[in-house]
Amino acid sequence: MRNRRGATWPLEAQPWSAGRASEEVSGRLKEWGCPQPDTLDRLVRYLVGAAVADGGRRISVHLAEENGRALIMALSHQPSDHLDDAVLLRLRHLGAENCGTEMTEDGRQVWALLDLAS
């Protein structure tokens, strides 16, 4: 994330973490002076919900912003192949310019790239 603004929040893998994550992401983007699309809250909540569904004890939410675009990622810290194509389609419907999922050493990550001017 060199040369980008970024933030990370460790959270419990609980349903209420989606609301907290949305507040944190929204607050940080506001602090940075970035516009916020109408679907931002729903998109963040959906990403976090996908990570929580993996069944781990914790998740983390990562935000990076550069040139009016935000990359928002939820990391489940659990291996999983739980995600189906419907999740990615929903993220696109919520305004993701691009989105995806992949397994890493730290668990499954689900991410969305969002044009903040939209």
PDB file of N, CA and C in Angstrom:
ATOM      1  N   MET A   1       0.821  -1.188   0.000  1.00  0.00           N
ATOM      2  CA  MET A   1       0.000   0.000   0.000  1.00  0.00           C
ATOM      3  C   MET A   1       0.870   1.259   0.000  1.00  0.00           C
ATOM      4  N   ARG A   2       2.062   1.131  -0.437  1.00  0.00           N
ATOM      5  CA  ARG A   2       2.943   2.286  -0.507  1.00  0.00           C
ATOM      6  C   ARG A   2       2.323   3.348  -1.410  1.00  0.00           C
ATOM      7  N   ASN A   3       2.430   4.612  -1.012  1.00  0.00           N
ATOM      8  CA  ASN A   3       1.896   5.766  -1.746  1.00  0.00           C
ATOM      9  C   ASN A   3       0.378   5.804  -1.799  1.00  0.00           C
ATOM     10  N   ARG A   4      -0.274   5.053  -0.949  1.00  0.00           N
ATOM     11  CA  ARG A   4      -1.736   5.078  -0.851  1.00  0.00           C
ATOM     12  C   ARG A   4      -2.103   5.321   0.597  1.00  0.00           C
ATOM     13  N   ARG A   5      -3.254   5.934   0.778  1.00  0.00           N
ATOM     14  CA  ARG A   5      -3.770   6.030   2.138  1.00  0.00           C
ATOM     15  C   ARG A   5      -4.400   4.700   2.476  1.00  0.00           C
ATOM     16  N   GLY A   6      -4.211   4.269   3.702  1.00  0.00           N
ATOM     17  CA  GLY A   6      -4.762   2.973   4.075  1.00  0.00           C
ATOM     18  C   GLY A   6      -5.079   2.889   5.553  1.00  0.00           C
ATOM     19  N   ALA A   7      -5.928   1.939   5.883  1.00  0.00           N
ATOM     20  CA  ALA A   7      -6.321   1.683   7.264  1.00  0.00           C
ATOM     21  C   ALA A   7      -6.742   0.224   7.385  1.00  0.00           C
ATOM     22  N   THR A   8      -6.622  -0.300   8.597  1.00  0.00           N
ATOM     23  CA  THR A   8      -6.998  -1.685   8.887  1.00  0.00           C
ATOM     24  C   THR A   8      -7.694  -1.733  10.234  1.00  0.00           C
ATOM     25  N   TRP A   9      -8.728  -2.575  10.324  1.00  0.00           N
ATOM     26  CA  TRP A   9      -9.460  -2.756  11.577  1.00  0.00           C
ATOM     27  C   TRP A   9      -9.608  -4.237  11.873  1.00  0.00           C
ATOM     28  N   PRO A  10      -9.049  -4.730  12.985  1.00  0.00           N
ATOM     29  CA  PRO A  10      -9.317  -6.103  13.415  1.00  0.00           C
ATOM     30  C   PRO A  10     -10.659  -6.131  14.143  1.00  0.00           C
ATOM     31  N   LEU A  11     -11.470  -7.127  13.852  1.00  0.00           N
ATOM     32  CA  LEU A  11     -12.812  -7.226  14.426  1.00  0.00           C
ATOM     33  C   LEU A  11     -13.120  -8.666  14.807  1.00  0.00           C
ATOM     34  N   GLU A  12     -14.057  -8.834  15.726  1.00  0.00           N
ATOM     35  CA  GLU A  12     -14.564 -10.164  16.019  1.00  0.00           C
ATOM     36  C   GLU A  12     -15.394 -10.623  14.824  1.00  0.00           C
ATOM     37  N   ALA A  13     -15.432 -11.904  14.594  1.00  0.00           N
ATOM     38  CA  ALA A  13     -16.258 -12.448  13.516  1.00  0.00           C
ATOM     39  C   ALA A  13     -17.674 -12.643  14.052  1.00  0.00           C
ATOM     40  N   GLN A  14     -18.373 -11.536  14.181  1.00  0.00           N
ATOM     41  CA  GLN A  14     -19.740 -11.522  14.695  1.00  0.00           C
ATOM     42  C   GLN A  14     -20.619 -10.703  13.759  1.00  0.00           C
ATOM     43  N   PRO A  15     -21.905 -10.993  13.711  1.00  0.00           N
ATOM     44  CA  PRO A  15     -22.792 -10.247  12.811  1.00  0.00           C
ATOM     45  C   PRO A  15     -22.745  -8.731  13.021  1.00  0.00           C
ATOM     46  N   TRP A  16     -22.592  -8.275  14.261  1.00  0.00           N
ATOM     47  CA  TRP A  16     -22.589  -6.835  14.513  1.00  0.00           C
ATOM     48  C   TRP A  16     -21.318  -6.150  14.022  1.00  0.00           C
ATOM     49  N   SER A  17     -20.298  -6.908  13.689  1.00  0.00           N
ATOM     50  CA  SER A  17     -19.061  -6.323  13.187  1.00  0.00           C
ATOM     51  C   SER A  17     -19.254  -5.631  11.841  1.00  0.00           C
ATOM     52  N   ALA A  18     -20.265  -6.030  11.094  1.00  0.00           N
ATOM     53  CA  ALA A  18     -20.532  -5.408   9.796  1.00  0.00           C
ATOM     54  C   ALA A  18     -20.870  -3.928   9.968  1.00  0.00           C
ATOM     55  N   GLY A  19     -21.681  -3.603  10.959  1.00  0.00           N
ATOM     56  CA  GLY A  19     -22.033  -2.207  11.211  1.00  0.00           C
ATOM     57  C   GLY A  19     -20.844  -1.387  11.647  1.00  0.00           C
ATOM     58  N   ARG A  20     -20.036  -1.956  12.522  1.00  0.00           N
ATOM     59  CA  ARG A  20     -18.843  -1.239  12.987  1.00  0.00           C
ATOM     60  C   ARG A  20     -17.874  -1.008  11.835  1.00  0.00           C
ATOM     61  N   ALA A  21     -17.685  -2.037  10.999  1.00  0.00           N
ATOM     62  CA  ALA A  21     -16.782  -1.902   9.859  1.00  0.00           C
ATOM     63  C   ALA A  21     -17.268  -0.808   8.917  1.00  0.00           C
ATOM     64  N   SER A  22     -18.559  -0.766   8.673  1.00  0.00           N
ATOM     65  CA  SER A  22     -19.114   0.255   7.796  1.00  0.00           C
ATOM     66  C   SER A  22     -18.877   1.652   8.366  1.00  0.00           C
ATOM     67  N   GLU A  23     -19.079   1.810   9.662  1.00  0.00           N
ATOM     68  CA  GLU A  23     -18.838   3.106  10.307  1.00  0.00           C
ATOM     69  C   GLU A  23     -17.367   3.510  10.204  1.00  0.00           C
ATOM     70  N   GLU A  24     -16.470   2.560  10.421  1.00  0.00           N
ATOM     71  CA  GLU A  24     -15.035   2.850  10.365  1.00  0.00           C
ATOM     72  C   GLU A  24     -14.610   3.261   8.951  1.00  0.00           C
ATOM     73  N   VAL A  25     -15.051   2.499   7.951  1.00  0.00           N
ATOM     74  CA  VAL A  25     -14.690   2.803   6.563  1.00  0.00           C
ATOM     75  C   VAL A  25     -15.264   4.162   6.166  1.00  0.00           C
ATOM     76  N   SER A  26     -16.527   4.379   6.457  1.00  0.00           N
ATOM     77  CA  SER A  26     -17.173   5.641   6.116  1.00  0.00           C
ATOM     78  C   SER A  26     -16.485   6.819   6.803  1.00  0.00           C
ATOM     79  N   GLY A  27     -16.193   6.658   8.092  1.00  0.00           N
ATOM     80  CA  GLY A  27     -15.532   7.719   8.836  1.00  0.00           C
ATOM     81  C   GLY A  27     -14.152   8.046   8.292  1.00  0.00           C
ATOM     82  N   ARG A  28     -13.393   7.019   7.934  1.00  0.00           N
ATOM     83  CA  ARG A  28     -12.049   7.255   7.412  1.00  0.00           C
ATOM     84  C   ARG A  28     -12.104   7.935   6.051  1.00  0.00           C
ATOM     85  N   LEU A  29     -13.027   7.498   5.185  1.00  0.00           N
ATOM     86  CA  LEU A  29     -13.148   8.150   3.883  1.00  0.00           C
ATOM     87  C   LEU A  29     -13.562   9.615   4.048  1.00  0.00           C
ATOM     88  N   LYS A  30     -14.444   9.879   4.982  1.00  0.00           N
ATOM     89  CA  LYS A  30     -14.856  11.258   5.264  1.00  0.00           C
ATOM     90  C   LYS A  30     -13.662  12.071   5.761  1.00  0.00           C
ATOM     91  N   GLU A  31     -12.886  11.481   6.663  1.00  0.00           N
ATOM     92  CA  GLU A  31     -11.684  12.131   7.185  1.00  0.00           C
ATOM     93  C   GLU A  31     -10.718  12.484   6.064  1.00  0.00           C
ATOM     94  N   TRP A  32     -10.625  11.625   5.067  1.00  0.00           N
ATOM     95  CA  TRP A  32      -9.743  11.855   3.930  1.00  0.00           C
ATOM     96  C   TRP A  32     -10.354  12.797   2.894  1.00  0.00           C
ATOM     97  N   GLY A  33     -11.591  13.222   3.094  1.00  0.00           N
ATOM     98  CA  GLY A  33     -12.246  14.129   2.166  1.00  0.00           C
ATOM     99  C   GLY A  33     -12.773  13.460   0.909  1.00  0.00           C
ATOM    100  N   CYS A  34     -13.039  12.169   0.986  1.00  0.00           N
ATOM    101  CA  CYS A  34     -13.514  11.408  -0.174  1.00  0.00           C
ATOM    102  C   CYS A  34     -15.034  11.374  -0.211  1.00  0.00           C
ATOM    103  N   PRO A  35     -15.619  11.469  -1.403  1.00  0.00           N
ATOM    104  CA  PRO A  35     -17.070  11.274  -1.514  1.00  0.00           C
ATOM    105  C   PRO A  35     -17.417   9.817  -1.220  1.00  0.00           C
ATOM    106  N   GLN A  36     -18.675   9.590  -0.844  1.00  0.00           N
ATOM    107  CA  GLN A  36     -19.108   8.238  -0.505  1.00  0.00           C
ATOM    108  C   GLN A  36     -20.356   7.877  -1.312  1.00  0.00           C
ATOM    109  N   PRO A  37     -20.231   6.866  -2.156  1.00  0.00           N
ATOM    110  CA  PRO A  37     -21.400   6.417  -2.929  1.00  0.00           C
ATOM    111  C   PRO A  37     -22.518   5.941  -2.001  1.00  0.00           C
ATOM    112  N   ASP A  38     -23.739   6.027  -2.469  1.00  0.00           N
ATOM    113  CA  ASP A  38     -24.910   5.614  -1.684  1.00  0.00           C
ATOM    114  C   ASP A  38     -24.842   4.156  -1.240  1.00  0.00           C
ATOM    115  N   THR A  39     -24.169   3.322  -1.996  1.00  0.00           N
ATOM    116  CA  THR A  39     -24.135   1.884  -1.686  1.00  0.00           C
ATOM    117  C   THR A  39     -22.976   1.494  -0.777  1.00  0.00           C
ATOM    118  N   LEU A  40     -22.175   2.446  -0.318  1.00  0.00           N
ATOM    119  CA  LEU A  40     -20.989   2.115   0.479  1.00  0.00           C
ATOM    120  C   LEU A  40     -21.344   1.277   1.704  1.00  0.00           C
ATOM    121  N   ASP A  41     -22.321   1.690   2.478  1.00  0.00           N
ATOM    122  CA  ASP A  41     -22.694   0.959   3.694  1.00  0.00           C
ATOM    123  C   ASP A  41     -23.082  -0.480   3.371  1.00  0.00           C
ATOM    124  N   ARG A  42     -23.930  -0.676   2.387  1.00  0.00           N
ATOM    125  CA  ARG A  42     -24.365  -2.029   2.041  1.00  0.00           C
ATOM    126  C   ARG A  42     -23.218  -2.880   1.512  1.00  0.00           C
ATOM    127  N   LEU A  43     -22.326  -2.268   0.737  1.00  0.00           N
ATOM    128  CA  LEU A  43     -21.195  -3.011   0.192  1.00  0.00           C
ATOM    129  C   LEU A  43     -20.257  -3.472   1.309  1.00  0.00           C
ATOM    130  N   VAL A  44     -19.918  -2.585   2.240  1.00  0.00           N
ATOM    131  CA  VAL A  44     -19.025  -2.970   3.343  1.00  0.00           C
ATOM    132  C   VAL A  44     -19.681  -4.048   4.195  1.00  0.00           C
ATOM    133  N   ARG A  45     -20.949  -3.879   4.515  1.00  0.00           N
ATOM    134  CA  ARG A  45     -21.653  -4.879   5.319  1.00  0.00           C
ATOM    135  C   ARG A  45     -21.672  -6.240   4.621  1.00  0.00           C
ATOM    136  N   TYR A  46     -21.838  -6.228   3.314  1.00  0.00           N
ATOM    137  CA  TYR A  46     -21.874  -7.477   2.567  1.00  0.00           C
ATOM    138  C   TYR A  46     -20.504  -8.167   2.561  1.00  0.00           C
ATOM    139  N   LEU A  47     -19.436  -7.379   2.352  1.00  0.00           N
ATOM    140  CA  LEU A  47     -18.083  -7.944   2.405  1.00  0.00           C
ATOM    141  C   LEU A  47     -17.810  -8.579   3.762  1.00  0.00           C
ATOM    142  N   VAL A  48     -18.144  -7.860   4.823  1.00  0.00           N
ATOM    143  CA  VAL A  48     -17.898  -8.367   6.173  1.00  0.00           C
ATOM    144  C   VAL A  48     -18.751  -9.606   6.436  1.00  0.00           C
ATOM    145  N   GLY A  49     -19.984  -9.598   5.988  1.00  0.00           N
ATOM    146  CA  GLY A  49     -20.845 -10.765   6.152  1.00  0.00           C
ATOM    147  C   GLY A  49     -20.264 -12.002   5.490  1.00  0.00           C
ATOM    148  N   ALA A  50     -19.659 -11.820   4.323  1.00  0.00           N
ATOM    149  CA  ALA A  50     -19.032 -12.951   3.624  1.00  0.00           C
ATOM    150  C   ALA A  50     -17.856 -13.497   4.431  1.00  0.00           C
ATOM    151  N   ALA A  51     -17.075 -12.617   5.045  1.00  0.00           N
ATOM    152  CA  ALA A  51     -15.936 -13.061   5.861  1.00  0.00           C
ATOM    153  C   ALA A  51     -16.414 -13.747   7.137  1.00  0.00           C
ATOM    154  N   VAL A  52     -17.431 -13.197   7.772  1.00  0.00           N
ATOM    155  CA  VAL A  52     -17.976 -13.790   9.002  1.00  0.00           C
ATOM    156  C   VAL A  52     -18.522 -15.184   8.719  1.00  0.00           C
ATOM    157  N   ALA A  53     -19.109 -15.375   7.547  1.00  0.00           N
ATOM    158  CA  ALA A  53     -19.706 -16.669   7.188  1.00  0.00           C
ATOM    159  C   ALA A  53     -18.680 -17.797   7.131  1.00  0.00           C
ATOM    160  N   ASP A  54     -17.401 -17.477   7.061  1.00  0.00           N
ATOM    161  CA  ASP A  54     -16.366 -18.510   7.037  1.00  0.00           C
ATOM    162  C   ASP A  54     -16.205 -19.207   8.383  1.00  0.00           C
ATOM    163  N   GLY A  55     -16.768 -18.642   9.443  1.00  0.00           N
ATOM    164  CA  GLY A  55     -16.807 -19.327  10.725  1.00  0.00           C
ATOM    165  C   GLY A  55     -15.602 -19.179  11.627  1.00  0.00           C
ATOM    166  N   GLY A  56     -14.740 -18.225  11.362  1.00  0.00           N
ATOM    167  CA  GLY A  56     -13.595 -18.021  12.237  1.00  0.00           C
ATOM    168  C   GLY A  56     -13.957 -17.192  13.461  1.00  0.00           C
ATOM    169  N   ARG A  57     -12.952 -16.896  14.269  1.00  0.00           N
ATOM    170  CA  ARG A  57     -13.171 -16.094  15.478  1.00  0.00           C
ATOM    171  C   ARG A  57     -12.940 -14.614  15.232  1.00  0.00           C
ATOM    172  N   ARG A  58     -12.172 -14.301  14.195  1.00  0.00           N
ATOM    173  CA  ARG A  58     -11.864 -12.897  13.924  1.00  0.00           C
ATOM    174  C   ARG A  58     -11.837 -12.652  12.426  1.00  0.00           C
ATOM    175  N   ILE A  59     -11.987 -11.389  12.079  1.00  0.00           N
ATOM    176  CA  ILE A  59     -11.841 -10.936  10.704  1.00  0.00           C
ATOM    177  C   ILE A  59     -11.032  -9.647  10.750  1.00  0.00           C
ATOM    178  N   SER A  60     -10.608  -9.189   9.609  1.00  0.00           N
ATOM    179  CA  SER A  60     -10.026  -7.852   9.529  1.00  0.00           C
ATOM    180  C   SER A  60     -10.531  -7.196   8.257  1.00  0.00           C
ATOM    181  N   VAL A  61     -10.696  -5.892   8.360  1.00  0.00           N
ATOM    182  CA  VAL A  61     -11.163  -5.094   7.227  1.00  0.00           C
ATOM    183  C   VAL A  61     -10.034  -4.142   6.862  1.00  0.00           C
ATOM    184  N   HIS A  62      -9.743  -4.069   5.585  1.00  0.00           N
ATOM    185  CA  HIS A  62      -8.642  -3.255   5.080  1.00  0.00           C
ATOM    186  C   HIS A  62      -9.193  -2.274   4.052  1.00  0.00           C
ATOM    187  N   LEU A  63      -8.718  -1.042   4.125  1.00  0.00           N
ATOM    188  CA  LEU A  63      -9.153   0.014   3.217  1.00  0.00           C
ATOM    189  C   LEU A  63      -7.930   0.698   2.643  1.00  0.00           C
ATOM    190  N   ALA A  64      -7.911   0.890   1.347  1.00  0.00           N
ATOM    191  CA  ALA A  64      -6.883   1.686   0.686  1.00  0.00           C
ATOM    192  C   ALA A  64      -7.589   2.613  -0.292  1.00  0.00           C
ATOM    193  N   GLU A  65      -7.088   3.844  -0.388  1.00  0.00           N
ATOM    194  CA  GLU A  65      -7.684   4.813  -1.314  1.00  0.00           C
ATOM    195  C   GLU A  65      -6.580   5.433  -2.145  1.00  0.00           C
ATOM    196  N   GLU A  66      -6.854   5.557  -3.430  1.00  0.00           N
ATOM    197  CA  GLU A  66      -5.925   6.212  -4.339  1.00  0.00           C
ATOM    198  C   GLU A  66      -6.705   6.734  -5.541  1.00  0.00           C
ATOM    199  N   ASN A  67      -6.497   7.986  -5.868  1.00  0.00           N
ATOM    200  CA  ASN A  67      -7.090   8.599  -7.063  1.00  0.00           C
ATOM    201  C   ASN A  67      -8.598   8.412  -7.160  1.00  0.00           C
ATOM    202  N   GLY A  68      -9.297   8.583  -6.036  1.00  0.00           N
ATOM    203  CA  GLY A  68     -10.759   8.513  -6.059  1.00  0.00           C
ATOM    204  C   GLY A  68     -11.342   7.119  -6.106  1.00  0.00           C
ATOM    205  N   ARG A  69     -10.524   6.131  -5.862  1.00  0.00           N
ATOM    206  CA  ARG A  69     -10.999   4.747  -5.809  1.00  0.00           C
ATOM    207  C   ARG A  69     -10.627   4.144  -4.470  1.00  0.00           C
ATOM    208  N   ALA A  70     -11.522   3.334  -3.945  1.00  0.00           N
ATOM    209  CA  ALA A  70     -11.265   2.660  -2.675  1.00  0.00           C
ATOM    210  C   ALA A  70     -11.236   1.158  -2.896  1.00  0.00           C
ATOM    211  N   LEU A  71     -10.227   0.530  -2.338  1.00  0.00           N
ATOM    212  CA  LEU A  71     -10.167  -0.921  -2.303  1.00  0.00           C
ATOM    213  C   LEU A  71     -10.534  -1.325  -0.882  1.00  0.00           C
ATOM    214  N   ILE A  72     -11.602  -2.079  -0.754  1.00  0.00           N
ATOM    215  CA  ILE A  72     -12.082  -2.534   0.549  1.00  0.00           C
ATOM    216  C   ILE A  72     -12.003  -4.049   0.549  1.00  0.00           C
ATOM    217  N   MET A  73     -11.355  -4.593   1.593  1.00  0.00           N
ATOM    218  CA  MET A  73     -11.161  -6.030   1.654  1.00  0.00           C
ATOM    219  C   MET A  73     -11.522  -6.539   3.040  1.00  0.00           C
ATOM    220  N   ALA A  74     -12.202  -7.653   3.079  1.00  0.00           N
ATOM    221  CA  ALA A  74     -12.480  -8.355   4.336  1.00  0.00           C
ATOM    222  C   ALA A  74     -11.717  -9.665   4.303  1.00  0.00           C
ATOM    223  N   LEU A  75     -10.949  -9.907   5.354  1.00  0.00           N
ATOM    224  CA  LEU A  75     -10.136 -11.111   5.468  1.00  0.00           C
ATOM    225  C   LEU A  75     -10.684 -11.955   6.608  1.00  0.00           C
ATOM    226  N   SER A  76     -11.021 -13.207   6.309  1.00  0.00           N
ATOM    227  CA  SER A  76     -11.672 -14.063   7.300  1.00  0.00           C
ATOM    228  C   SER A  76     -10.699 -14.754   8.251  1.00  0.00           C
ATOM    229  N   HIS A  77      -9.429 -14.817   7.897  1.00  0.00           N
ATOM    230  CA  HIS A  77      -8.428 -15.541   8.690  1.00  0.00           C
ATOM    231  C   HIS A  77      -8.801 -17.020   8.850  1.00  0.00           C
ATOM    232  N   GLN A  78      -9.573 -17.531   7.899  1.00  0.00           N
ATOM    233  CA  GLN A  78     -10.011 -18.932   7.871  1.00  0.00           C
ATOM    234  C   GLN A  78      -9.930 -19.436   6.440  1.00  0.00           C
ATOM    235  N   PRO A  79      -9.446 -20.644   6.244  1.00  0.00           N
ATOM    236  CA  PRO A  79      -9.541 -21.222   4.897  1.00  0.00           C
ATOM    237  C   PRO A  79     -11.001 -21.547   4.588  1.00  0.00           C
ATOM    238  N   SER A  80     -11.415 -21.266   3.370  1.00  0.00           N
ATOM    239  CA  SER A  80     -12.797 -21.543   2.990  1.00  0.00           C
ATOM    240  C   SER A  80     -12.949 -21.516   1.487  1.00  0.00           C
ATOM    241  N   ASP A  81     -13.832 -22.342   0.991  1.00  0.00           N
ATOM    242  CA  ASP A  81     -14.237 -22.260  -0.411  1.00  0.00           C
ATOM    243  C   ASP A  81     -15.728 -21.962  -0.466  1.00  0.00           C
ATOM    244  N   HIS A  82     -16.220 -21.365   0.595  1.00  0.00           N
ATOM    245  CA  HIS A  82     -17.643 -21.084   0.802  1.00  0.00           C
ATOM    246  C   HIS A  82     -18.234 -20.114  -0.212  1.00  0.00           C
ATOM    247  N   LEU A  83     -17.455 -19.192  -0.736  1.00  0.00           N
ATOM    248  CA  LEU A  83     -17.983 -18.132  -1.591  1.00  0.00           C
ATOM    249  C   LEU A  83     -18.425 -18.677  -2.944  1.00  0.00           C
ATOM    250  N   ASP A  84     -19.613 -18.270  -3.354  1.00  0.00           N
ATOM    251  CA  ASP A  84     -20.064 -18.654  -4.686  1.00  0.00           C
ATOM    252  C   ASP A  84     -20.168 -17.403  -5.559  1.00  0.00           C
ATOM    253  N   ASP A  85     -20.446 -17.598  -6.823  1.00  0.00           N
ATOM    254  CA  ASP A  85     -20.504 -16.488  -7.771  1.00  0.00           C
ATOM    255  C   ASP A  85     -21.573 -15.467  -7.417  1.00  0.00           C
ATOM    256  N   ALA A  86     -22.595 -15.857  -6.682  1.00  0.00           N
ATOM    257  CA  ALA A  86     -23.662 -14.928  -6.317  1.00  0.00           C
ATOM    258  C   ALA A  86     -23.125 -13.780  -5.458  1.00  0.00           C
ATOM    259  N   VAL A  87     -22.120 -14.061  -4.623  1.00  0.00           N
ATOM    260  CA  VAL A  87     -21.531 -13.006  -3.787  1.00  0.00           C
ATOM    261  C   VAL A  87     -20.859 -11.965  -4.668  1.00  0.00           C
ATOM    262  N   LEU A  88     -20.107 -12.403  -5.639  1.00  0.00           N
ATOM    263  CA  LEU A  88     -19.426 -11.460  -6.526  1.00  0.00           C
ATOM    264  C   LEU A  88     -20.429 -10.675  -7.372  1.00  0.00           C
ATOM    265  N   LEU A  89     -21.479 -11.336  -7.817  1.00  0.00           N
ATOM    266  CA  LEU A  89     -22.523 -10.627  -8.560  1.00  0.00           C
ATOM    267  C   LEU A  89     -23.187  -9.564  -7.699  1.00  0.00           C
ATOM    268  N   ARG A  90     -23.431  -9.872  -6.436  1.00  0.00           N
ATOM    269  CA  ARG A  90     -24.044  -8.907  -5.514  1.00  0.00           C
ATOM    270  C   ARG A  90     -23.119  -7.718  -5.286  1.00  0.00           C
ATOM    271  N   LEU A  91     -21.819  -7.971  -5.142  1.00  0.00           N
ATOM    272  CA  LEU A  91     -20.863  -6.870  -4.961  1.00  0.00           C
ATOM    273  C   LEU A  91     -20.866  -5.948  -6.180  1.00  0.00           C
ATOM    274  N   ARG A  92     -20.946  -6.526  -7.359  1.00  0.00           N
ATOM    275  CA  ARG A  92     -21.039  -5.707  -8.583  1.00  0.00           C
ATOM    276  C   ARG A  92     -22.325  -4.890  -8.580  1.00  0.00           C
ATOM    277  N   HIS A  93     -23.417  -5.501  -8.166  1.00  0.00           N
ATOM    278  CA  HIS A  93     -24.705  -4.798  -8.087  1.00  0.00           C
ATOM    279  C   HIS A  93     -24.626  -3.634  -7.093  1.00  0.00           C
ATOM    280  N   LEU A  94     -23.803  -3.790  -6.057  1.00  0.00           N
ATOM    281  CA  LEU A  94     -23.648  -2.740  -5.045  1.00  0.00           C
ATOM    282  C   LEU A  94     -22.626  -1.676  -5.449  1.00  0.00           C
ATOM    283  N   GLY A  95     -22.146  -1.740  -6.682  1.00  0.00           N
ATOM    284  CA  GLY A  95     -21.293  -0.686  -7.203  1.00  0.00           C
ATOM    285  C   GLY A  95     -19.828  -1.016  -7.346  1.00  0.00           C
ATOM    286  N   ALA A  96     -19.431  -2.243  -7.056  1.00  0.00           N
ATOM    287  CA  ALA A  96     -18.018  -2.598  -7.208  1.00  0.00           C
ATOM    288  C   ALA A  96     -17.628  -2.527  -8.680  1.00  0.00           C
ATOM    289  N   GLU A  97     -16.591  -1.781  -8.945  1.00  0.00           N
ATOM    290  CA  GLU A  97     -16.036  -1.683 -10.285  1.00  0.00           C
ATOM    291  C   GLU A  97     -15.371  -3.005 -10.659  1.00  0.00           C
ATOM    292  N   ASN A  98     -14.789  -3.625  -9.648  1.00  0.00           N
ATOM    293  CA  ASN A  98     -14.155  -4.920  -9.788  1.00  0.00           C
ATOM    294  C   ASN A  98     -14.230  -5.586  -8.416  1.00  0.00           C
ATOM    295  N   CYS A  99     -14.191  -6.892  -8.362  1.00  0.00           N
ATOM    296  CA  CYS A  99     -14.240  -7.588  -7.083  1.00  0.00           C
ATOM    297  C   CYS A  99     -13.690  -8.993  -7.272  1.00  0.00           C
ATOM    298  N   GLY A 100     -13.387  -9.626  -6.148  1.00  0.00           N
ATOM    299  CA  GLY A 100     -12.862 -10.973  -6.248  1.00  0.00           C
ATOM    300  C   GLY A 100     -12.673 -11.601  -4.886  1.00  0.00           C
ATOM    301  N   THR A 101     -12.181 -12.811  -4.922  1.00  0.00           N
ATOM    302  CA  THR A 101     -11.886 -13.556  -3.705  1.00  0.00           C
ATOM    303  C   THR A 101     -10.679 -14.433  -3.984  1.00  0.00           C
ATOM    304  N   GLU A 102      -9.904 -14.673  -2.950  1.00  0.00           N
ATOM    305  CA  GLU A 102      -8.779 -15.578  -3.094  1.00  0.00           C
ATOM    306  C   GLU A 102      -8.356 -16.085  -1.731  1.00  0.00           C
ATOM    307  N   MET A 103      -7.714 -17.242  -1.744  1.00  0.00           N
ATOM    308  CA  MET A 103      -7.158 -17.812  -0.524  1.00  0.00           C
ATOM    309  C   MET A 103      -5.715 -17.334  -0.399  1.00  0.00           C
ATOM    310  N   THR A 104      -5.343 -16.950   0.806  1.00  0.00           N
ATOM    311  CA  THR A 104      -3.972 -16.561   1.105  1.00  0.00           C
ATOM    312  C   THR A 104      -3.512 -17.359   2.322  1.00  0.00           C
ATOM    313  N   GLU A 105      -2.279 -17.182   2.725  1.00  0.00           N
ATOM    314  CA  GLU A 105      -1.785 -17.844   3.938  1.00  0.00           C
ATOM    315  C   GLU A 105      -2.576 -17.418   5.169  1.00  0.00           C
ATOM    316  N   ASP A 106      -3.139 -16.205   5.118  1.00  0.00           N
ATOM    317  CA  ASP A 106      -3.892 -15.656   6.255  1.00  0.00           C
ATOM    318  C   ASP A 106      -5.377 -15.978   6.206  1.00  0.00           C
ATOM    319  N   GLY A 107      -5.819 -16.724   5.203  1.00  0.00           N
ATOM    320  CA  GLY A 107      -7.231 -17.056   5.077  1.00  0.00           C
ATOM    321  C   GLY A 107      -7.824 -16.489   3.804  1.00  0.00           C
ATOM    322  N   ARG A 108      -9.152 -16.571   3.719  1.00  0.00           N
ATOM    323  CA  ARG A 108      -9.824 -16.099   2.511  1.00  0.00           C
ATOM    324  C   ARG A 108     -10.062 -14.603   2.585  1.00  0.00           C
ATOM    325  N   GLN A 109      -9.802 -13.947   1.481  1.00  0.00           N
ATOM    326  CA  GLN A 109     -10.116 -12.529   1.386  1.00  0.00           C
ATOM    327  C   GLN A 109     -11.148 -12.300   0.289  1.00  0.00           C
ATOM    328  N   VAL A 110     -12.035 -11.377   0.580  1.00  0.00           N
ATOM    329  CA  VAL A 110     -13.045 -10.939  -0.385  1.00  0.00           C
ATOM    330  C   VAL A 110     -12.843  -9.443  -0.521  1.00  0.00           C
ATOM    331  N   TRP A 111     -12.747  -8.953  -1.746  1.00  0.00           N
ATOM    332  CA  TRP A 111     -12.444  -7.546  -1.944  1.00  0.00           C
ATOM    333  C   TRP A 111     -13.321  -6.924  -3.015  1.00  0.00           C
ATOM    334  N   ALA A 112     -13.426  -5.598  -2.924  1.00  0.00           N
ATOM    335  CA  ALA A 112     -14.164  -4.835  -3.928  1.00  0.00           C
ATOM    336  C   ALA A 112     -13.440  -3.523  -4.182  1.00  0.00           C
ATOM    337  N   LEU A 113     -13.345  -3.152  -5.436  1.00  0.00           N
ATOM    338  CA  LEU A 113     -12.797  -1.866  -5.845  1.00  0.00           C
ATOM    339  C   LEU A 113     -13.978  -0.966  -6.179  1.00  0.00           C
ATOM    340  N   LEU A 114     -14.012   0.184  -5.549  1.00  0.00           N
ATOM    341  CA  LEU A 114     -15.164   1.068  -5.648  1.00  0.00           C
ATOM    342  C   LEU A 114     -14.725   2.442  -6.140  1.00  0.00           C
ATOM    343  N   ASP A 115     -15.358   2.935  -7.205  1.00  0.00           N
ATOM    344  CA  ASP A 115     -15.125   4.291  -7.676  1.00  0.00           C
ATOM    345  C   ASP A 115     -15.929   5.213  -6.772  1.00  0.00           C
ATOM    346  N   LEU A 116     -15.259   6.063  -6.012  1.00  0.00           N
ATOM    347  CA  LEU A 116     -15.934   6.889  -5.016  1.00  0.00           C
ATOM    348  C   LEU A 116     -16.736   8.032  -5.634  1.00  0.00           C
ATOM    349  N   ALA A 117     -16.483   8.331  -6.885  1.00  0.00           N
ATOM    350  CA  ALA A 117     -17.217   9.408  -7.553  1.00  0.00           C
ATOM    351  C   ALA A 117     -18.563   8.932  -8.096  1.00  0.00           C
ATOM    352  N   SER A 118     -18.797   7.630  -8.086  1.00  0.00           N
ATOM    353  CA  SER A 118     -20.046   7.080  -8.649  1.00  0.00           C
ATOM    354  C   SER A 118     -21.219   7.320  -7.725  1.00  0.00           C
TER     355      SER A 118
END
